[in-house]
Amino acid sequence: MKTLLTTTLFTLSPGEVTSLSIHADQRLRVDAATGTDVWLTREGDSEDYWLRCGGSLLLASGDEITVSVDPRAAEPVRLALIAEARRPGVNVSHLVARMARRLVRGTEWTPNQDQITAS
């Protein structure tokens, strides 16, 4: 099985503050920083989060976060918001019902083929 990821990269300048509304479970990772800290606060959470380059924080759907970059930072900081891509779900109940119907008829059925051969 192949995992597909969707990544959004953005850059914040030293001293810049931004707010994000998270609509699906994602991971916020500090992609590029030169020893500078990124400060994150999550609405309704009493903890503050400090991340360095390579650090990340898992964010849940519905989270409202504020991201701040240390004003003393020498360079802008690049952040990555990473989410697993959505795939259409498999209708398992439909497949089970289809297999049961064909087995009841006394036929051989191969899931990858729509051809039926009588036994």
N, C-alpha and C. Protein backbone atom coordinates (compact mmCIF):
# COMPACT_ATOMS: atom_id res chain seq x y z
N MET A 1 0.84 -1.16 0.00
CA MET A 1 0.00 0.00 0.00
C MET A 1 0.89 1.23 0.00
N LYS A 2 0.58 2.19 -0.81
CA LYS A 2 1.36 3.40 -0.94
C LYS A 2 0.68 4.52 -0.15
N THR A 3 1.44 5.23 0.69
CA THR A 3 0.92 6.36 1.44
C THR A 3 1.13 7.63 0.62
N LEU A 4 0.05 8.36 0.41
CA LEU A 4 0.12 9.61 -0.33
C LEU A 4 0.02 10.76 0.66
N LEU A 5 0.89 11.75 0.53
CA LEU A 5 0.88 12.89 1.42
C LEU A 5 0.64 14.16 0.64
N THR A 6 -0.04 15.09 1.27
CA THR A 6 -0.23 16.42 0.72
C THR A 6 0.52 17.37 1.63
N THR A 7 1.42 18.17 1.06
CA THR A 7 2.24 19.07 1.86
C THR A 7 2.06 20.50 1.38
N THR A 8 1.85 21.40 2.33
CA THR A 8 1.78 22.83 2.04
C THR A 8 2.95 23.49 2.74
N LEU A 9 3.81 24.17 1.98
CA LEU A 9 4.97 24.87 2.54
C LEU A 9 4.67 26.36 2.61
N PHE A 10 5.07 27.00 3.71
CA PHE A 10 4.95 28.44 3.80
C PHE A 10 6.09 28.98 4.65
N THR A 11 6.39 30.26 4.46
CA THR A 11 7.53 30.90 5.11
C THR A 11 7.04 32.06 5.96
N LEU A 12 7.60 32.18 7.16
CA LEU A 12 7.30 33.29 8.05
C LEU A 12 8.59 34.05 8.35
N SER A 13 8.52 35.35 8.31
CA SER A 13 9.68 36.20 8.59
C SER A 13 9.86 36.35 10.10
N PRO A 14 11.07 36.75 10.53
CA PRO A 14 11.30 36.97 11.96
C PRO A 14 10.28 37.96 12.53
N GLY A 15 9.68 37.58 13.67
CA GLY A 15 8.69 38.43 14.33
C GLY A 15 7.28 38.29 13.78
N GLU A 16 7.11 37.54 12.70
CA GLU A 16 5.79 37.39 12.08
C GLU A 16 4.93 36.41 12.88
N VAL A 17 3.64 36.71 12.94
CA VAL A 17 2.66 35.88 13.65
C VAL A 17 1.52 35.58 12.68
N THR A 18 1.06 34.33 12.67
CA THR A 18 -0.07 33.95 11.82
C THR A 18 -0.97 32.97 12.57
N SER A 19 -2.23 32.95 12.18
CA SER A 19 -3.19 32.01 12.76
C SER A 19 -3.62 31.02 11.69
N LEU A 20 -3.82 29.77 12.10
CA LEU A 20 -4.24 28.72 11.19
C LEU A 20 -5.45 28.00 11.75
N SER A 21 -6.41 27.69 10.87
CA SER A 21 -7.55 26.84 11.23
C SER A 21 -7.32 25.50 10.55
N ILE A 22 -7.30 24.44 11.32
CA ILE A 22 -7.01 23.11 10.79
C ILE A 22 -8.32 22.38 10.52
N HIS A 23 -8.50 21.92 9.26
CA HIS A 23 -9.75 21.29 8.86
C HIS A 23 -9.64 19.77 8.71
N ALA A 24 -8.44 19.24 8.82
CA ALA A 24 -8.21 17.79 8.78
C ALA A 24 -6.96 17.52 9.61
N ASP A 25 -6.84 16.31 10.16
CA ASP A 25 -5.65 15.97 10.94
C ASP A 25 -4.40 16.18 10.10
N GLN A 26 -3.46 16.94 10.63
CA GLN A 26 -2.23 17.26 9.91
C GLN A 26 -1.08 17.37 10.90
N ARG A 27 0.12 17.39 10.35
CA ARG A 27 1.32 17.58 11.15
C ARG A 27 1.99 18.87 10.68
N LEU A 28 2.32 19.76 11.63
CA LEU A 28 3.05 20.98 11.33
C LEU A 28 4.51 20.72 11.68
N ARG A 29 5.39 20.86 10.68
CA ARG A 29 6.81 20.59 10.88
C ARG A 29 7.62 21.83 10.54
N VAL A 30 8.65 22.12 11.34
CA VAL A 30 9.58 23.20 11.04
C VAL A 30 10.57 22.63 10.03
N ASP A 31 10.44 23.06 8.80
CA ASP A 31 11.21 22.50 7.69
C ASP A 31 12.60 23.11 7.56
N ALA A 32 12.70 24.42 7.78
CA ALA A 32 14.00 25.08 7.67
C ALA A 32 14.05 26.26 8.65
N ALA A 33 15.04 26.22 9.51
CA ALA A 33 15.28 27.31 10.46
C ALA A 33 16.74 27.21 10.90
N THR A 34 17.34 28.35 11.20
CA THR A 34 18.74 28.32 11.63
C THR A 34 18.82 28.58 13.11
N GLY A 35 18.48 27.55 13.89
CA GLY A 35 18.57 27.65 15.34
C GLY A 35 17.50 28.50 15.99
N THR A 36 16.52 28.92 15.24
CA THR A 36 15.47 29.76 15.81
C THR A 36 14.29 28.92 16.27
N ASP A 37 13.63 29.41 17.26
CA ASP A 37 12.46 28.72 17.77
C ASP A 37 11.19 29.25 17.13
N VAL A 38 10.23 28.35 16.97
CA VAL A 38 8.89 28.71 16.51
C VAL A 38 7.97 28.43 17.69
N TRP A 39 7.14 29.40 18.02
CA TRP A 39 6.25 29.28 19.17
C TRP A 39 4.84 29.04 18.67
N LEU A 40 4.21 27.97 19.17
CA LEU A 40 2.84 27.64 18.78
C LEU A 40 1.95 27.63 20.00
N THR A 41 0.77 28.21 19.85
CA THR A 41 -0.26 28.11 20.88
C THR A 41 -1.50 27.54 20.22
N ARG A 42 -2.19 26.69 20.96
CA ARG A 42 -3.41 26.04 20.46
C ARG A 42 -4.58 26.55 21.30
N GLU A 43 -5.63 27.00 20.64
CA GLU A 43 -6.80 27.51 21.36
C GLU A 43 -7.38 26.41 22.25
N GLY A 44 -7.63 26.75 23.52
CA GLY A 44 -8.18 25.78 24.46
C GLY A 44 -7.14 24.88 25.10
N ASP A 45 -5.86 25.07 24.77
CA ASP A 45 -4.77 24.25 25.32
C ASP A 45 -3.90 25.17 26.19
N SER A 46 -3.67 24.78 27.43
CA SER A 46 -2.90 25.62 28.35
C SER A 46 -1.39 25.56 28.08
N GLU A 47 -0.94 24.60 27.27
CA GLU A 47 0.49 24.47 26.98
C GLU A 47 0.90 25.32 25.79
N ASP A 48 2.14 25.77 25.81
CA ASP A 48 2.77 26.42 24.66
C ASP A 48 3.76 25.43 24.08
N TYR A 49 3.97 25.48 22.78
CA TYR A 49 4.88 24.55 22.11
C TYR A 49 5.98 25.33 21.42
N TRP A 50 7.24 24.96 21.71
CA TRP A 50 8.41 25.56 21.08
C TRP A 50 9.04 24.51 20.19
N LEU A 51 9.19 24.82 18.91
CA LEU A 51 9.76 23.87 17.96
C LEU A 51 11.00 24.44 17.31
N ARG A 52 11.99 23.59 17.12
CA ARG A 52 13.21 23.93 16.38
C ARG A 52 13.15 23.24 15.02
N CYS A 53 14.15 23.48 14.21
CA CYS A 53 14.22 22.86 12.88
C CYS A 53 14.11 21.34 13.01
N GLY A 54 13.20 20.74 12.24
CA GLY A 54 12.98 19.31 12.28
C GLY A 54 11.91 18.89 13.27
N GLY A 55 11.52 19.78 14.18
CA GLY A 55 10.48 19.48 15.15
C GLY A 55 9.10 19.55 14.51
N SER A 56 8.15 18.80 15.11
CA SER A 56 6.79 18.82 14.55
C SER A 56 5.77 18.66 15.65
N LEU A 57 4.53 18.98 15.31
CA LEU A 57 3.41 18.86 16.24
C LEU A 57 2.20 18.35 15.46
N LEU A 58 1.56 17.33 16.01
CA LEU A 58 0.37 16.77 15.38
C LEU A 58 -0.83 17.64 15.74
N LEU A 59 -1.57 18.06 14.72
CA LEU A 59 -2.73 18.93 14.90
C LEU A 59 -3.99 18.17 14.51
N ALA A 60 -5.04 18.33 15.29
CA ALA A 60 -6.29 17.64 15.02
C ALA A 60 -7.25 18.55 14.26
N SER A 61 -8.17 17.93 13.56
CA SER A 61 -9.19 18.68 12.85
C SER A 61 -9.95 19.56 13.84
N GLY A 62 -10.16 20.81 13.48
CA GLY A 62 -10.86 21.75 14.36
C GLY A 62 -9.93 22.60 15.21
N ASP A 63 -8.63 22.28 15.22
CA ASP A 63 -7.68 23.08 16.00
C ASP A 63 -7.53 24.47 15.40
N GLU A 64 -7.42 25.45 16.28
CA GLU A 64 -7.09 26.83 15.90
C GLU A 64 -5.74 27.10 16.55
N ILE A 65 -4.71 27.38 15.75
CA ILE A 65 -3.38 27.60 16.31
C ILE A 65 -2.84 28.95 15.89
N THR A 66 -1.93 29.46 16.71
CA THR A 66 -1.21 30.69 16.39
C THR A 66 0.27 30.33 16.33
N VAL A 67 0.93 30.73 15.24
CA VAL A 67 2.35 30.43 15.03
C VAL A 67 3.12 31.74 15.06
N SER A 68 4.15 31.81 15.89
CA SER A 68 4.98 33.01 16.01
C SER A 68 6.44 32.63 15.80
N VAL A 69 7.17 33.49 15.09
CA VAL A 69 8.60 33.27 14.87
C VAL A 69 9.36 34.28 15.74
N ASP A 70 10.40 33.80 16.40
CA ASP A 70 11.22 34.64 17.26
C ASP A 70 11.68 35.88 16.48
N PRO A 71 11.42 37.09 17.00
CA PRO A 71 11.83 38.31 16.29
C PRO A 71 13.33 38.46 16.13
N ARG A 72 14.11 37.73 16.94
CA ARG A 72 15.58 37.79 16.84
C ARG A 72 16.14 36.82 15.81
N ALA A 73 15.27 36.10 15.12
CA ALA A 73 15.72 35.11 14.13
C ALA A 73 16.51 35.81 13.02
N ALA A 74 17.57 35.16 12.56
CA ALA A 74 18.43 35.73 11.52
C ALA A 74 17.81 35.61 10.13
N GLU A 75 16.98 34.59 9.93
CA GLU A 75 16.39 34.32 8.62
C GLU A 75 14.93 33.92 8.77
N PRO A 76 14.18 33.96 7.66
CA PRO A 76 12.81 33.46 7.69
C PRO A 76 12.79 31.96 8.01
N VAL A 77 11.68 31.49 8.51
CA VAL A 77 11.49 30.09 8.87
C VAL A 77 10.50 29.47 7.89
N ARG A 78 10.85 28.27 7.38
CA ARG A 78 9.94 27.56 6.46
C ARG A 78 9.22 26.46 7.23
N LEU A 79 7.90 26.44 7.12
CA LEU A 79 7.07 25.46 7.81
C LEU A 79 6.36 24.59 6.78
N ALA A 80 6.11 23.35 7.15
CA ALA A 80 5.39 22.42 6.28
C ALA A 80 4.17 21.91 7.02
N LEU A 81 3.01 21.98 6.37
CA LEU A 81 1.77 21.42 6.91
C LEU A 81 1.50 20.16 6.11
N ILE A 82 1.56 18.99 6.76
CA ILE A 82 1.52 17.71 6.06
C ILE A 82 0.25 16.95 6.44
N ALA A 83 -0.48 16.51 5.41
CA ALA A 83 -1.71 15.72 5.64
C ALA A 83 -1.71 14.51 4.73
N GLU A 84 -2.25 13.40 5.23
CA GLU A 84 -2.40 12.22 4.39
C GLU A 84 -3.52 12.49 3.40
N ALA A 85 -3.29 12.15 2.14
CA ALA A 85 -4.30 12.38 1.11
C ALA A 85 -5.50 11.47 1.34
N ARG A 86 -6.67 11.99 1.05
CA ARG A 86 -7.90 11.22 1.19
C ARG A 86 -8.07 10.32 -0.01
N ARG A 87 -8.52 9.10 0.24
CA ARG A 87 -8.80 8.15 -0.83
C ARG A 87 -10.25 7.72 -0.70
N PRO A 88 -10.90 7.44 -1.81
CA PRO A 88 -12.26 6.94 -1.69
C PRO A 88 -12.26 5.61 -0.96
N GLY A 89 -13.21 5.41 -0.08
CA GLY A 89 -13.29 4.18 0.70
C GLY A 89 -13.81 3.01 -0.13
N VAL A 90 -13.48 1.81 0.30
CA VAL A 90 -13.95 0.60 -0.36
C VAL A 90 -15.25 0.19 0.32
N ASN A 91 -16.25 -0.10 -0.47
CA ASN A 91 -17.53 -0.52 0.08
C ASN A 91 -17.46 -2.02 0.33
N VAL A 92 -17.02 -2.40 1.54
CA VAL A 92 -16.79 -3.80 1.89
C VAL A 92 -18.10 -4.58 1.90
N SER A 93 -19.16 -3.98 2.41
CA SER A 93 -20.44 -4.69 2.48
C SER A 93 -20.93 -5.06 1.08
N HIS A 94 -20.71 -4.19 0.11
CA HIS A 94 -21.10 -4.49 -1.27
C HIS A 94 -20.30 -5.67 -1.82
N LEU A 95 -18.97 -5.69 -1.55
CA LEU A 95 -18.14 -6.79 -2.03
C LEU A 95 -18.52 -8.12 -1.40
N VAL A 96 -18.81 -8.11 -0.10
CA VAL A 96 -19.21 -9.34 0.60
C VAL A 96 -20.54 -9.86 0.05
N ALA A 97 -21.51 -8.98 -0.15
CA ALA A 97 -22.80 -9.39 -0.69
C ALA A 97 -22.65 -9.95 -2.10
N ARG A 98 -21.81 -9.32 -2.89
CA ARG A 98 -21.59 -9.78 -4.27
C ARG A 98 -20.97 -11.18 -4.28
N MET A 99 -19.96 -11.40 -3.41
CA MET A 99 -19.32 -12.71 -3.34
C MET A 99 -20.30 -13.77 -2.85
N ALA A 100 -21.12 -13.44 -1.87
CA ALA A 100 -22.09 -14.39 -1.33
C ALA A 100 -23.11 -14.79 -2.39
N ARG A 101 -23.60 -13.84 -3.17
CA ARG A 101 -24.57 -14.15 -4.24
C ARG A 101 -23.97 -15.13 -5.24
N ARG A 102 -22.73 -14.89 -5.59
CA ARG A 102 -22.10 -15.76 -6.59
C ARG A 102 -21.78 -17.13 -6.02
N LEU A 103 -21.43 -17.21 -4.75
CA LEU A 103 -21.17 -18.52 -4.13
C LEU A 103 -22.46 -19.33 -4.00
N VAL A 104 -23.53 -18.66 -3.68
CA VAL A 104 -24.82 -19.34 -3.54
C VAL A 104 -25.25 -19.94 -4.87
N ARG A 105 -24.94 -19.29 -5.97
CA ARG A 105 -25.31 -19.79 -7.29
C ARG A 105 -24.46 -20.99 -7.71
N GLY A 106 -23.44 -21.35 -6.93
CA GLY A 106 -22.59 -22.47 -7.29
C GLY A 106 -21.62 -22.12 -8.40
N THR A 107 -21.10 -20.93 -8.36
CA THR A 107 -20.16 -20.50 -9.39
C THR A 107 -18.81 -20.20 -8.77
N GLU A 108 -17.80 -20.18 -9.61
CA GLU A 108 -16.48 -19.75 -9.17
C GLU A 108 -16.36 -18.26 -9.50
N TRP A 109 -15.83 -17.53 -8.58
CA TRP A 109 -15.71 -16.09 -8.80
C TRP A 109 -14.32 -15.63 -8.41
N THR A 110 -13.70 -14.88 -9.28
CA THR A 110 -12.41 -14.29 -9.00
C THR A 110 -12.63 -12.79 -8.81
N PRO A 111 -12.22 -12.22 -7.68
CA PRO A 111 -12.50 -10.80 -7.41
C PRO A 111 -12.01 -9.85 -8.49
N ASN A 112 -10.93 -10.16 -9.19
CA ASN A 112 -10.39 -9.24 -10.19
C ASN A 112 -11.04 -9.41 -11.56
N GLN A 113 -11.91 -10.37 -11.70
CA GLN A 113 -12.53 -10.62 -12.99
C GLN A 113 -14.04 -10.61 -12.83
N ASP A 114 -14.73 -10.10 -13.84
CA ASP A 114 -16.19 -10.08 -13.81
C ASP A 114 -16.77 -11.30 -14.53
N GLN A 115 -15.92 -12.21 -14.97
CA GLN A 115 -16.41 -13.39 -15.67
C GLN A 115 -16.76 -14.47 -14.67
N ILE A 116 -17.85 -15.15 -14.93
CA ILE A 116 -18.31 -16.24 -14.07
C ILE A 116 -18.27 -17.52 -14.87
N THR A 117 -17.74 -18.57 -14.26
CA THR A 117 -17.74 -19.87 -14.93
C THR A 117 -18.53 -20.85 -14.07
N ALA A 118 -19.39 -21.61 -14.70
CA ALA A 118 -20.22 -22.59 -13.96
C ALA A 118 -19.37 -23.75 -13.52
N SER A 119 -19.65 -24.28 -12.34
CA SER A 119 -18.88 -25.41 -11.84
C SER A 119 -19.61 -26.70 -12.09
